[in-house]
Amino acid sequence: MIAVVIDDMGLNRTLSRRAVAMKGLTLSYLPYGEDLPAQTAEARAAGHELLVHISMAPEGRENAGPNALTPGLPADEIARRLDWALGRFTGYVGINNHMGSRFTADEKGMTEVLTHLKSRGLLFLDSRTTAHTVGPIVAHRLGVPLAERSVFLDNVETVDAVRRQLVELEAAARRDGMAIAIGHPKEPTLTALEAWLEQAPSRGFVLVPLSAIVRRNLTARG
């Protein structure tokens, strides 16, 4: 089983539409995109599962976007920012973090986020932008449905580099029985994916929405 998540959706409309035209993806939309109800309705009609791509503070000085979650925010402000993001469109099954190498390592902040998700019945995909993430530990403690990224597809933005990462993705799926890739609506990523999505089933891989892997993980844990 392989889930391919394309996040950073909704800003570049041309490339976002190209991702929507593909089959078998999970699409994660930034909450500060424009016209999100229409964009996401189109994606759902095309058969894609949806996430909200929640901005969280990175270690560096990059701007994570409006209403980003940062360590030290009071609980009511975390809730306000989450409610704003989660109110931008409907029909999603959960969230994953946009950036977040600093915030996902903050246990207090992540406890607030995941408690909020649990109250809404949502899952958390940890993009694993840092090895120090506490997301899985907190999610298991709170009983929040969890998935974790296996492979980033496009840290290097060339078609050949993405193809090499897809080979890594297949290896992870063979080893573990499932794997999750995260990529972005970029020209090289989509070009490599278009061919790979056509060929993967013939090599024994089943493309599934992210929630299918989350259910598999829950069943495996008993």
N, C-alpha and C. Protein backbone atom coordinates (compact mmCIF):
# COMPACT_ATOMS: atom_id res chain seq x y z
N MET A 1 0.84 -1.20 0.00
CA MET A 1 0.00 0.00 0.00
C MET A 1 0.88 1.25 0.00
N ILE A 2 0.56 2.17 -0.89
CA ILE A 2 1.27 3.43 -0.94
C ILE A 2 0.26 4.57 -0.98
N ALA A 3 0.48 5.56 -0.11
CA ALA A 3 -0.27 6.81 -0.17
C ALA A 3 0.68 7.92 -0.62
N VAL A 4 0.27 8.66 -1.63
CA VAL A 4 1.05 9.80 -2.10
C VAL A 4 0.30 11.07 -1.73
N VAL A 5 0.91 11.87 -0.87
CA VAL A 5 0.31 13.12 -0.40
C VAL A 5 1.00 14.28 -1.11
N ILE A 6 0.21 15.12 -1.73
CA ILE A 6 0.72 16.36 -2.31
C ILE A 6 0.23 17.50 -1.43
N ASP A 7 1.17 18.17 -0.76
CA ASP A 7 0.74 19.29 0.07
C ASP A 7 1.19 20.62 -0.55
N ASP A 8 1.01 21.70 0.16
CA ASP A 8 1.17 23.06 -0.41
C ASP A 8 0.17 23.31 -1.53
N MET A 9 -0.94 22.60 -1.50
CA MET A 9 -1.95 22.77 -2.54
C MET A 9 -2.71 24.09 -2.34
N GLY A 10 -3.21 24.63 -3.46
CA GLY A 10 -4.14 25.74 -3.41
C GLY A 10 -3.57 27.11 -3.70
N LEU A 11 -2.24 27.24 -3.75
CA LEU A 11 -1.66 28.55 -4.04
C LEU A 11 -1.42 28.72 -5.53
N ASN A 12 -0.65 27.82 -6.12
CA ASN A 12 -0.45 27.85 -7.57
C ASN A 12 -1.60 27.08 -8.21
N ARG A 13 -2.54 27.82 -8.77
CA ARG A 13 -3.77 27.20 -9.26
C ARG A 13 -3.50 26.27 -10.44
N THR A 14 -2.57 26.63 -11.31
CA THR A 14 -2.28 25.80 -12.48
C THR A 14 -1.73 24.45 -12.07
N LEU A 15 -0.72 24.45 -11.21
CA LEU A 15 -0.12 23.20 -10.79
C LEU A 15 -1.04 22.42 -9.86
N SER A 16 -1.83 23.12 -9.05
CA SER A 16 -2.80 22.42 -8.21
C SER A 16 -3.83 21.68 -9.06
N ARG A 17 -4.30 22.33 -10.12
CA ARG A 17 -5.26 21.65 -11.01
C ARG A 17 -4.62 20.43 -11.68
N ARG A 18 -3.35 20.54 -11.99
CA ARG A 18 -2.67 19.39 -12.61
C ARG A 18 -2.62 18.21 -11.64
N ALA A 19 -2.39 18.49 -10.38
CA ALA A 19 -2.41 17.41 -9.38
C ALA A 19 -3.81 16.82 -9.26
N VAL A 20 -4.83 17.67 -9.26
CA VAL A 20 -6.21 17.18 -9.16
C VAL A 20 -6.55 16.27 -10.33
N ALA A 21 -5.96 16.54 -11.49
CA ALA A 21 -6.26 15.73 -12.68
C ALA A 21 -5.66 14.33 -12.60
N MET A 22 -4.75 14.08 -11.67
CA MET A 22 -4.18 12.75 -11.50
C MET A 22 -5.14 11.88 -10.70
N LYS A 23 -4.79 10.62 -10.57
CA LYS A 23 -5.63 9.67 -9.84
C LYS A 23 -4.91 9.15 -8.61
N GLY A 24 -5.69 8.94 -7.54
CA GLY A 24 -5.19 8.20 -6.40
C GLY A 24 -4.34 8.96 -5.41
N LEU A 25 -4.46 10.31 -5.35
CA LEU A 25 -3.64 11.09 -4.45
C LEU A 25 -4.43 11.51 -3.21
N THR A 26 -3.70 11.92 -2.19
CA THR A 26 -4.26 12.65 -1.06
C THR A 26 -3.72 14.06 -1.16
N LEU A 27 -4.60 15.06 -1.13
CA LEU A 27 -4.21 16.44 -1.39
C LEU A 27 -4.39 17.28 -0.13
N SER A 28 -3.35 18.01 0.23
CA SER A 28 -3.35 18.80 1.46
C SER A 28 -3.25 20.28 1.09
N TYR A 29 -4.29 21.03 1.45
CA TYR A 29 -4.42 22.43 1.03
C TYR A 29 -4.02 23.39 2.14
N LEU A 30 -3.19 24.37 1.77
CA LEU A 30 -2.85 25.45 2.69
C LEU A 30 -4.10 26.30 2.96
N PRO A 31 -4.38 26.63 4.20
CA PRO A 31 -5.64 27.31 4.51
C PRO A 31 -5.68 28.77 4.04
N TYR A 32 -4.54 29.31 3.62
CA TYR A 32 -4.56 30.70 3.15
C TYR A 32 -4.61 30.80 1.62
N GLY A 33 -4.92 29.69 0.96
CA GLY A 33 -5.18 29.76 -0.47
C GLY A 33 -6.51 30.46 -0.74
N GLU A 34 -6.69 30.88 -1.99
CA GLU A 34 -7.92 31.57 -2.38
C GLU A 34 -8.95 30.58 -2.91
N ASP A 35 -10.22 30.90 -2.69
CA ASP A 35 -11.32 30.14 -3.27
C ASP A 35 -11.23 28.66 -2.91
N LEU A 36 -10.88 28.39 -1.66
CA LEU A 36 -10.66 26.99 -1.26
C LEU A 36 -11.91 26.12 -1.32
N PRO A 37 -13.10 26.62 -0.99
CA PRO A 37 -14.27 25.75 -1.11
C PRO A 37 -14.44 25.20 -2.53
N ALA A 38 -14.24 26.03 -3.53
CA ALA A 38 -14.37 25.56 -4.92
C ALA A 38 -13.22 24.65 -5.30
N GLN A 39 -12.00 25.02 -4.93
CA GLN A 39 -10.84 24.18 -5.27
C GLN A 39 -10.97 22.79 -4.66
N THR A 40 -11.33 22.74 -3.39
CA THR A 40 -11.38 21.45 -2.71
C THR A 40 -12.59 20.62 -3.13
N ALA A 41 -13.68 21.28 -3.48
CA ALA A 41 -14.84 20.54 -4.00
C ALA A 41 -14.47 19.85 -5.31
N GLU A 42 -13.70 20.53 -6.14
CA GLU A 42 -13.24 19.93 -7.40
C GLU A 42 -12.35 18.72 -7.12
N ALA A 43 -11.47 18.85 -6.13
CA ALA A 43 -10.57 17.75 -5.79
C ALA A 43 -11.35 16.55 -5.25
N ARG A 44 -12.33 16.79 -4.40
CA ARG A 44 -13.15 15.69 -3.88
C ARG A 44 -13.95 15.03 -4.99
N ALA A 45 -14.49 15.83 -5.89
CA ALA A 45 -15.26 15.26 -7.00
C ALA A 45 -14.39 14.39 -7.89
N ALA A 46 -13.09 14.69 -7.94
CA ALA A 46 -12.15 13.88 -8.72
C ALA A 46 -11.69 12.63 -7.97
N GLY A 47 -12.15 12.46 -6.73
CA GLY A 47 -11.86 11.24 -5.99
C GLY A 47 -10.72 11.30 -5.01
N HIS A 48 -10.20 12.51 -4.74
CA HIS A 48 -9.05 12.64 -3.85
C HIS A 48 -9.50 12.83 -2.40
N GLU A 49 -8.72 12.25 -1.49
CA GLU A 49 -8.90 12.53 -0.07
C GLU A 49 -8.19 13.85 0.25
N LEU A 50 -8.72 14.58 1.24
CA LEU A 50 -8.20 15.92 1.53
C LEU A 50 -7.67 16.02 2.96
N LEU A 51 -6.63 16.85 3.10
CA LEU A 51 -6.10 17.27 4.39
C LEU A 51 -6.03 18.79 4.43
N VAL A 52 -5.90 19.32 5.64
CA VAL A 52 -5.55 20.74 5.81
C VAL A 52 -4.08 20.80 6.19
N HIS A 53 -3.33 21.64 5.47
CA HIS A 53 -1.89 21.75 5.66
C HIS A 53 -1.63 22.89 6.64
N ILE A 54 -1.42 22.54 7.91
CA ILE A 54 -1.38 23.52 8.99
C ILE A 54 0.03 24.08 9.17
N SER A 55 0.13 25.41 9.10
CA SER A 55 1.43 26.08 9.23
C SER A 55 1.93 26.00 10.68
N MET A 56 3.18 25.56 10.83
CA MET A 56 3.81 25.45 12.14
C MET A 56 5.23 26.00 12.05
N ALA A 57 5.72 26.52 13.16
CA ALA A 57 6.99 27.23 13.17
C ALA A 57 8.16 26.30 12.82
N PRO A 58 9.05 26.74 11.91
CA PRO A 58 10.25 25.98 11.61
C PRO A 58 11.40 26.40 12.54
N GLU A 59 12.50 25.68 12.46
CA GLU A 59 13.69 26.06 13.22
C GLU A 59 14.33 27.33 12.67
N GLY A 60 14.31 27.48 11.36
CA GLY A 60 14.97 28.62 10.74
C GLY A 60 14.08 29.85 10.69
N ARG A 61 14.41 30.76 9.78
CA ARG A 61 13.70 32.03 9.71
C ARG A 61 12.65 32.06 8.60
N GLU A 62 12.38 30.92 8.00
CA GLU A 62 11.36 30.88 6.95
C GLU A 62 10.00 31.30 7.51
N ASN A 63 9.23 31.97 6.67
CA ASN A 63 7.89 32.37 7.05
C ASN A 63 6.93 31.21 6.80
N ALA A 64 6.34 30.69 7.86
CA ALA A 64 5.45 29.53 7.72
C ALA A 64 4.06 29.93 7.23
N GLY A 65 3.77 31.23 7.17
CA GLY A 65 2.47 31.66 6.67
C GLY A 65 1.59 32.23 7.77
N PRO A 66 0.42 32.75 7.39
CA PRO A 66 -0.49 33.37 8.36
C PRO A 66 -0.98 32.38 9.42
N ASN A 67 -1.11 32.88 10.63
CA ASN A 67 -1.66 32.08 11.74
C ASN A 67 -0.87 30.81 12.02
N ALA A 68 0.44 30.85 11.78
CA ALA A 68 1.28 29.69 12.07
C ALA A 68 1.30 29.41 13.57
N LEU A 69 1.37 28.14 13.91
CA LEU A 69 1.45 27.73 15.30
C LEU A 69 2.91 27.82 15.76
N THR A 70 3.13 28.46 16.90
CA THR A 70 4.49 28.63 17.41
C THR A 70 4.53 28.19 18.87
N PRO A 71 5.68 27.67 19.34
CA PRO A 71 5.79 27.30 20.75
C PRO A 71 5.53 28.51 21.64
N GLY A 72 4.86 28.25 22.76
CA GLY A 72 4.58 29.32 23.70
C GLY A 72 3.24 29.98 23.55
N LEU A 73 2.53 29.69 22.45
CA LEU A 73 1.19 30.24 22.30
C LEU A 73 0.28 29.68 23.38
N PRO A 74 -0.60 30.51 23.95
CA PRO A 74 -1.56 29.97 24.92
C PRO A 74 -2.56 29.04 24.23
N ALA A 75 -3.15 28.18 25.02
CA ALA A 75 -4.06 27.16 24.47
C ALA A 75 -5.19 27.77 23.68
N ASP A 76 -5.75 28.90 24.17
CA ASP A 76 -6.89 29.47 23.45
C ASP A 76 -6.49 30.06 22.10
N GLU A 77 -5.24 30.51 21.99
CA GLU A 77 -4.78 31.04 20.71
C GLU A 77 -4.48 29.91 19.72
N ILE A 78 -3.92 28.81 20.21
CA ILE A 78 -3.74 27.64 19.35
C ILE A 78 -5.09 27.18 18.82
N ALA A 79 -6.09 27.11 19.70
CA ALA A 79 -7.43 26.70 19.28
C ALA A 79 -8.00 27.68 18.26
N ARG A 80 -7.80 28.99 18.48
CA ARG A 80 -8.32 29.98 17.53
C ARG A 80 -7.69 29.82 16.16
N ARG A 81 -6.37 29.64 16.13
CA ARG A 81 -5.68 29.50 14.85
C ARG A 81 -6.07 28.20 14.14
N LEU A 82 -6.21 27.14 14.90
CA LEU A 82 -6.66 25.88 14.30
C LEU A 82 -8.08 26.01 13.77
N ASP A 83 -8.95 26.63 14.55
CA ASP A 83 -10.34 26.78 14.11
C ASP A 83 -10.42 27.61 12.83
N TRP A 84 -9.57 28.63 12.73
CA TRP A 84 -9.54 29.43 11.50
C TRP A 84 -9.16 28.55 10.30
N ALA A 85 -8.07 27.79 10.46
CA ALA A 85 -7.59 26.95 9.35
C ALA A 85 -8.61 25.87 8.99
N LEU A 86 -9.19 25.24 10.01
CA LEU A 86 -10.11 24.14 9.77
C LEU A 86 -11.48 24.62 9.28
N GLY A 87 -11.70 25.91 9.36
CA GLY A 87 -12.94 26.48 8.85
C GLY A 87 -12.86 27.00 7.43
N ARG A 88 -11.72 26.85 6.79
CA ARG A 88 -11.53 27.43 5.47
C ARG A 88 -12.17 26.60 4.36
N PHE A 89 -12.33 25.29 4.61
CA PHE A 89 -13.06 24.43 3.67
C PHE A 89 -13.51 23.20 4.44
N THR A 90 -14.24 22.33 3.79
CA THR A 90 -14.79 21.15 4.46
C THR A 90 -14.38 19.88 3.71
N GLY A 91 -14.72 18.73 4.30
CA GLY A 91 -14.53 17.45 3.62
C GLY A 91 -13.17 16.81 3.81
N TYR A 92 -12.37 17.31 4.74
CA TYR A 92 -11.04 16.76 4.99
C TYR A 92 -11.10 15.69 6.07
N VAL A 93 -10.06 14.85 6.12
CA VAL A 93 -10.01 13.78 7.13
C VAL A 93 -9.01 14.08 8.24
N GLY A 94 -8.18 15.10 8.06
CA GLY A 94 -7.18 15.41 9.07
C GLY A 94 -6.26 16.52 8.61
N ILE A 95 -5.10 16.59 9.27
CA ILE A 95 -4.13 17.63 8.97
C ILE A 95 -2.74 17.02 8.81
N ASN A 96 -1.85 17.78 8.16
CA ASN A 96 -0.42 17.52 8.30
C ASN A 96 0.28 18.86 8.47
N ASN A 97 1.50 18.82 8.96
CA ASN A 97 2.21 20.05 9.28
C ASN A 97 2.94 20.62 8.07
N HIS A 98 2.80 21.94 7.91
CA HIS A 98 3.56 22.71 6.94
C HIS A 98 4.75 23.31 7.67
N MET A 99 5.97 22.94 7.26
CA MET A 99 7.18 23.26 8.03
C MET A 99 7.05 22.59 9.40
N GLY A 100 7.30 23.33 10.49
CA GLY A 100 7.00 22.78 11.81
C GLY A 100 8.13 22.09 12.53
N SER A 101 9.37 22.24 12.06
CA SER A 101 10.46 21.52 12.73
C SER A 101 10.64 21.98 14.18
N ARG A 102 10.27 23.24 14.49
CA ARG A 102 10.34 23.71 15.87
C ARG A 102 9.07 23.35 16.64
N PHE A 103 7.91 23.59 16.03
CA PHE A 103 6.66 23.37 16.77
C PHE A 103 6.40 21.90 17.04
N THR A 104 6.67 21.02 16.08
CA THR A 104 6.35 19.61 16.30
C THR A 104 7.26 18.96 17.34
N ALA A 105 8.33 19.66 17.72
CA ALA A 105 9.19 19.17 18.81
C ALA A 105 8.75 19.69 20.16
N ASP A 106 7.69 20.52 20.20
CA ASP A 106 7.20 21.13 21.42
C ASP A 106 6.03 20.32 21.96
N GLU A 107 6.25 19.60 23.05
CA GLU A 107 5.23 18.67 23.54
C GLU A 107 3.97 19.38 24.00
N LYS A 108 4.12 20.52 24.67
CA LYS A 108 2.94 21.23 25.15
C LYS A 108 2.07 21.70 23.99
N GLY A 109 2.70 22.30 22.99
CA GLY A 109 1.94 22.78 21.83
C GLY A 109 1.29 21.65 21.06
N MET A 110 2.03 20.56 20.85
CA MET A 110 1.48 19.44 20.10
C MET A 110 0.36 18.76 20.86
N THR A 111 0.43 18.75 22.19
CA THR A 111 -0.67 18.19 22.99
C THR A 111 -1.94 19.00 22.77
N GLU A 112 -1.81 20.32 22.71
CA GLU A 112 -2.99 21.16 22.45
C GLU A 112 -3.56 20.86 21.05
N VAL A 113 -2.69 20.77 20.06
CA VAL A 113 -3.15 20.53 18.68
C VAL A 113 -3.85 19.18 18.58
N LEU A 114 -3.23 18.15 19.10
CA LEU A 114 -3.77 16.81 18.92
C LEU A 114 -5.01 16.58 19.79
N THR A 115 -5.10 17.26 20.91
CA THR A 115 -6.35 17.22 21.69
C THR A 115 -7.48 17.83 20.88
N HIS A 116 -7.18 18.92 20.20
CA HIS A 116 -8.17 19.58 19.34
C HIS A 116 -8.59 18.65 18.20
N LEU A 117 -7.62 17.98 17.59
CA LEU A 117 -7.96 17.04 16.51
C LEU A 117 -8.82 15.90 17.02
N LYS A 118 -8.49 15.38 18.20
CA LYS A 118 -9.27 14.27 18.74
C LYS A 118 -10.72 14.67 18.93
N SER A 119 -10.95 15.90 19.40
CA SER A 119 -12.32 16.36 19.65
C SER A 119 -13.12 16.46 18.35
N ARG A 120 -12.42 16.60 17.23
CA ARG A 120 -13.08 16.71 15.92
C ARG A 120 -13.06 15.40 15.14
N GLY A 121 -12.43 14.36 15.69
CA GLY A 121 -12.36 13.08 14.99
C GLY A 121 -11.46 13.09 13.78
N LEU A 122 -10.36 13.87 13.85
CA LEU A 122 -9.46 14.02 12.72
C LEU A 122 -8.15 13.27 12.96
N LEU A 123 -7.47 12.91 11.88
CA LEU A 123 -6.18 12.24 11.95
C LEU A 123 -5.04 13.25 11.82
N PHE A 124 -3.85 12.80 12.19
CA PHE A 124 -2.64 13.62 12.05
C PHE A 124 -1.61 12.86 11.23
N LEU A 125 -1.19 13.47 10.12
CA LEU A 125 -0.05 12.98 9.36
C LEU A 125 1.15 13.81 9.77
N ASP A 126 2.12 13.17 10.42
CA ASP A 126 3.35 13.86 10.79
C ASP A 126 4.28 13.89 9.57
N SER A 127 4.50 15.08 9.06
CA SER A 127 5.38 15.21 7.89
C SER A 127 6.84 14.90 8.24
N ARG A 128 7.15 14.85 9.52
CA ARG A 128 8.48 14.52 10.03
C ARG A 128 9.53 15.45 9.41
N THR A 129 9.34 16.73 9.64
CA THR A 129 10.32 17.72 9.19
C THR A 129 11.48 17.83 10.17
N THR A 130 11.41 17.10 11.29
CA THR A 130 12.51 17.01 12.25
C THR A 130 12.51 15.63 12.87
N ALA A 131 13.71 15.15 13.18
CA ALA A 131 13.82 13.87 13.89
C ALA A 131 13.37 14.00 15.34
N HIS A 132 13.20 15.24 15.81
CA HIS A 132 12.84 15.47 17.21
C HIS A 132 11.33 15.64 17.41
N THR A 133 10.55 15.33 16.40
CA THR A 133 9.10 15.46 16.54
C THR A 133 8.57 14.61 17.69
N VAL A 134 7.62 15.19 18.41
CA VAL A 134 6.94 14.44 19.46
C VAL A 134 5.54 14.05 19.01
N GLY A 135 5.21 14.34 17.75
CA GLY A 135 3.88 14.04 17.24
C GLY A 135 3.42 12.62 17.47
N PRO A 136 4.22 11.61 17.09
CA PRO A 136 3.78 10.22 17.29
C PRO A 136 3.57 9.86 18.76
N ILE A 137 4.47 10.33 19.63
CA ILE A 137 4.35 10.01 21.06
C ILE A 137 3.05 10.59 21.62
N VAL A 138 2.78 11.86 21.30
CA VAL A 138 1.58 12.51 21.82
C VAL A 138 0.33 11.90 21.21
N ALA A 139 0.37 11.61 19.91
CA ALA A 139 -0.80 11.01 19.25
C ALA A 139 -1.14 9.66 19.86
N HIS A 140 -0.13 8.83 20.11
CA HIS A 140 -0.40 7.53 20.73
C HIS A 140 -0.97 7.71 22.13
N ARG A 141 -0.43 8.65 22.87
CA ARG A 141 -0.91 8.88 24.23
C ARG A 141 -2.36 9.32 24.26
N LEU A 142 -2.73 10.16 23.30
CA LEU A 142 -4.09 10.70 23.28
C LEU A 142 -5.07 9.84 22.49
N GLY A 143 -4.55 8.87 21.73
CA GLY A 143 -5.42 8.05 20.90
C GLY A 143 -5.88 8.73 19.64
N VAL A 144 -5.02 9.59 19.08
CA VAL A 144 -5.33 10.27 17.82
C VAL A 144 -4.82 9.43 16.66
N PRO A 145 -5.65 9.17 15.65
CA PRO A 145 -5.19 8.40 14.48
C PRO A 145 -3.98 9.08 13.84
N LEU A 146 -2.94 8.29 13.56
CA LEU A 146 -1.64 8.82 13.16
C LEU A 146 -1.09 8.13 11.93
N ALA A 147 -0.41 8.90 11.11
CA ALA A 147 0.44 8.35 10.06
C ALA A 147 1.73 9.16 10.05
N GLU A 148 2.80 8.57 9.51
CA GLU A 148 4.09 9.26 9.45
C GLU A 148 4.68 9.15 8.05
N ARG A 149 5.20 10.27 7.58
CA ARG A 149 5.82 10.31 6.25
C ARG A 149 7.01 9.36 6.17
N SER A 150 7.07 8.60 5.08
CA SER A 150 8.20 7.70 4.83
C SER A 150 9.27 8.38 4.00
N VAL A 151 8.86 9.06 2.92
CA VAL A 151 9.80 9.61 1.94
C VAL A 151 9.32 10.99 1.50
N PHE A 152 10.25 11.96 1.44
CA PHE A 152 10.00 13.21 0.74
C PHE A 152 10.40 13.03 -0.71
N LEU A 153 9.54 13.43 -1.62
CA LEU A 153 9.81 13.20 -3.03
C LEU A 153 10.69 14.26 -3.67
N ASP A 154 10.60 15.50 -3.21
CA ASP A 154 11.18 16.57 -4.03
C ASP A 154 11.99 17.59 -3.25
N ASN A 155 12.77 17.11 -2.27
CA ASN A 155 13.74 18.02 -1.67
C ASN A 155 14.73 18.53 -2.72
N VAL A 156 15.01 17.68 -3.70
CA VAL A 156 15.78 18.10 -4.89
C VAL A 156 14.78 18.17 -6.04
N GLU A 157 14.66 19.34 -6.67
CA GLU A 157 13.57 19.59 -7.60
C GLU A 157 13.96 19.33 -9.05
N THR A 158 14.27 18.05 -9.33
CA THR A 158 14.46 17.62 -10.71
C THR A 158 13.68 16.33 -10.92
N VAL A 159 13.32 16.06 -12.16
CA VAL A 159 12.56 14.84 -12.46
C VAL A 159 13.36 13.61 -12.05
N ASP A 160 14.64 13.57 -12.37
CA ASP A 160 15.46 12.40 -12.03
C ASP A 160 15.53 12.20 -10.51
N ALA A 161 15.65 13.29 -9.76
CA ALA A 161 15.72 13.16 -8.31
C ALA A 161 14.40 12.62 -7.76
N VAL A 162 13.29 13.09 -8.28
CA VAL A 162 11.99 12.59 -7.82
C VAL A 162 11.85 11.10 -8.17
N ARG A 163 12.30 10.73 -9.34
CA ARG A 163 12.25 9.30 -9.71
C ARG A 163 13.06 8.45 -8.75
N ARG A 164 14.22 8.95 -8.33
CA ARG A 164 15.02 8.19 -7.37
C ARG A 164 14.28 8.05 -6.04
N GLN A 165 13.59 9.09 -5.64
CA GLN A 165 12.83 9.01 -4.39
C GLN A 165 11.65 8.06 -4.51
N LEU A 166 11.08 7.96 -5.69
CA LEU A 166 10.00 6.99 -5.90
C LEU A 166 10.51 5.56 -5.79
N VAL A 167 11.74 5.33 -6.20
CA VAL A 167 12.36 4.01 -5.99
C VAL A 167 12.49 3.74 -4.50
N GLU A 168 12.91 4.76 -3.73
CA GLU A 168 12.99 4.61 -2.27
C GLU A 168 11.62 4.33 -1.66
N LEU A 169 10.61 4.99 -2.19
CA LEU A 169 9.24 4.78 -1.71
C LEU A 169 8.80 3.34 -1.93
N GLU A 170 9.07 2.80 -3.10
CA GLU A 170 8.72 1.41 -3.38
C GLU A 170 9.45 0.46 -2.44
N ALA A 171 10.72 0.74 -2.18
CA ALA A 171 11.49 -0.11 -1.28
C ALA A 171 10.90 -0.08 0.12
N ALA A 172 10.50 1.10 0.58
CA ALA A 172 9.89 1.21 1.91
C ALA A 172 8.58 0.44 1.98
N ALA A 173 7.78 0.52 0.91
CA ALA A 173 6.50 -0.20 0.89
C ALA A 173 6.71 -1.71 0.90
N ARG A 174 7.70 -2.18 0.16
CA ARG A 174 7.99 -3.62 0.16
C ARG A 174 8.45 -4.07 1.53
N ARG A 175 9.26 -3.25 2.17
CA ARG A 175 9.82 -3.61 3.47
C ARG A 175 8.76 -3.62 4.57
N ASP A 176 7.90 -2.60 4.59
CA ASP A 176 6.98 -2.40 5.70
C ASP A 176 5.53 -2.75 5.39
N GLY A 177 5.25 -3.07 4.14
CA GLY A 177 3.87 -3.36 3.75
C GLY A 177 3.08 -2.13 3.38
N MET A 178 3.61 -0.97 3.68
CA MET A 178 2.96 0.30 3.33
C MET A 178 4.01 1.40 3.39
N ALA A 179 3.73 2.52 2.72
CA ALA A 179 4.63 3.67 2.77
C ALA A 179 3.84 4.92 2.38
N ILE A 180 4.32 6.06 2.87
CA ILE A 180 3.68 7.34 2.60
C ILE A 180 4.71 8.29 2.05
N ALA A 181 4.41 8.86 0.90
CA ALA A 181 5.27 9.88 0.29
C ALA A 181 4.61 11.24 0.43
N ILE A 182 5.44 12.26 0.60
CA ILE A 182 4.97 13.64 0.54
C ILE A 182 5.74 14.37 -0.56
N GLY A 183 4.99 15.02 -1.43
CA GLY A 183 5.57 15.86 -2.47
C GLY A 183 4.79 17.15 -2.57
N HIS A 184 5.09 17.92 -3.59
CA HIS A 184 4.51 19.25 -3.73
C HIS A 184 4.08 19.49 -5.16
N PRO A 185 3.18 20.43 -5.39
CA PRO A 185 2.73 20.70 -6.76
C PRO A 185 3.77 21.51 -7.53
N LYS A 186 4.84 20.81 -7.88
CA LYS A 186 5.94 21.40 -8.63
C LYS A 186 6.07 20.66 -9.95
N GLU A 187 6.52 21.33 -10.96
CA GLU A 187 6.61 20.74 -12.30
C GLU A 187 7.38 19.42 -12.32
N PRO A 188 8.60 19.34 -11.77
CA PRO A 188 9.32 18.06 -11.82
C PRO A 188 8.61 16.94 -11.06
N THR A 189 8.02 17.27 -9.92
CA THR A 189 7.32 16.27 -9.12
C THR A 189 6.14 15.69 -9.88
N LEU A 190 5.33 16.56 -10.45
CA LEU A 190 4.14 16.09 -11.14
C LEU A 190 4.50 15.33 -12.41
N THR A 191 5.54 15.76 -13.10
CA THR A 191 5.97 15.05 -14.31
C THR A 191 6.41 13.62 -13.97
N ALA A 192 7.21 13.48 -12.91
CA ALA A 192 7.65 12.14 -12.52
C ALA A 192 6.48 11.30 -12.02
N LEU A 193 5.57 11.91 -11.28
CA LEU A 193 4.44 11.16 -10.72
C LEU A 193 3.48 10.68 -11.79
N GLU A 194 3.26 11.48 -12.81
CA GLU A 194 2.29 11.10 -13.84
C GLU A 194 2.63 9.74 -14.44
N ALA A 195 3.90 9.53 -14.74
CA ALA A 195 4.32 8.23 -15.30
C ALA A 195 4.29 7.14 -14.23
N TRP A 196 4.77 7.47 -13.03
CA TRP A 196 4.85 6.46 -11.97
C TRP A 196 3.48 5.96 -11.56
N LEU A 197 2.51 6.84 -11.45
CA LEU A 197 1.16 6.44 -11.04
C LEU A 197 0.55 5.44 -12.02
N GLU A 198 0.89 5.56 -13.28
CA GLU A 198 0.40 4.61 -14.28
C GLU A 198 1.06 3.24 -14.14
N GLN A 199 2.33 3.24 -13.75
CA GLN A 199 3.12 2.00 -13.75
C GLN A 199 3.09 1.24 -12.43
N ALA A 200 2.89 1.94 -11.32
CA ALA A 200 3.02 1.32 -10.00
C ALA A 200 2.13 0.10 -9.81
N PRO A 201 0.85 0.11 -10.22
CA PRO A 201 0.02 -1.08 -10.00
C PRO A 201 0.57 -2.34 -10.67
N SER A 202 1.20 -2.19 -11.82
CA SER A 202 1.75 -3.36 -12.51
C SER A 202 2.93 -3.96 -11.77
N ARG A 203 3.51 -3.18 -10.84
CA ARG A 203 4.62 -3.70 -10.04
C ARG A 203 4.15 -4.17 -8.66
N GLY A 204 2.85 -4.24 -8.49
CA GLY A 204 2.31 -4.82 -7.26
C GLY A 204 1.96 -3.84 -6.16
N PHE A 205 1.93 -2.55 -6.49
CA PHE A 205 1.61 -1.55 -5.47
C PHE A 205 0.17 -1.08 -5.63
N VAL A 206 -0.50 -0.93 -4.50
CA VAL A 206 -1.87 -0.43 -4.48
C VAL A 206 -1.83 1.00 -3.96
N LEU A 207 -2.33 1.93 -4.76
CA LEU A 207 -2.38 3.32 -4.36
C LEU A 207 -3.64 3.56 -3.55
N VAL A 208 -3.48 4.08 -2.35
CA VAL A 208 -4.60 4.21 -1.42
C VAL A 208 -4.64 5.62 -0.84
N PRO A 209 -5.80 6.07 -0.38
CA PRO A 209 -5.86 7.32 0.38
C PRO A 209 -5.14 7.15 1.71
N LEU A 210 -4.70 8.25 2.26
CA LEU A 210 -3.95 8.20 3.51
C LEU A 210 -4.73 7.49 4.61
N SER A 211 -6.03 7.71 4.69
CA SER A 211 -6.82 7.11 5.77
C SER A 211 -6.78 5.59 5.74
N ALA A 212 -6.55 5.00 4.58
CA ALA A 212 -6.46 3.53 4.51
C ALA A 212 -5.23 3.03 5.26
N ILE A 213 -4.13 3.78 5.17
CA ILE A 213 -2.93 3.39 5.91
C ILE A 213 -3.12 3.64 7.40
N VAL A 214 -3.80 4.73 7.75
CA VAL A 214 -4.09 4.98 9.16
C VAL A 214 -4.92 3.84 9.74
N ARG A 215 -5.94 3.39 9.00
CA ARG A 215 -6.76 2.27 9.48
C ARG A 215 -5.92 1.01 9.62
N ARG A 216 -5.02 0.78 8.66
CA ARG A 216 -4.14 -0.39 8.73
C ARG A 216 -3.28 -0.33 10.00
N ASN A 217 -2.74 0.85 10.28
CA ASN A 217 -1.90 1.00 11.48
C ASN A 217 -2.70 0.75 12.74
N LEU A 218 -3.94 1.25 12.79
CA LEU A 218 -4.77 1.04 13.97
C LEU A 218 -5.08 -0.45 14.17
N THR A 219 -5.36 -1.14 13.05
CA THR A 219 -5.64 -2.57 13.13
C THR A 219 -4.42 -3.34 13.59
N ALA A 220 -3.25 -2.95 13.08
CA ALA A 220 -2.01 -3.66 13.45
C ALA A 220 -1.70 -3.49 14.93
N ARG A 221 -2.09 -2.33 15.50
CA ARG A 221 -1.83 -2.11 16.93
C ARG A 221 -2.88 -2.81 17.81
N GLY A 222 -3.92 -3.34 17.15
CA GLY A 222 -4.93 -4.07 17.89
C GLY A 222 -5.96 -3.15 18.53
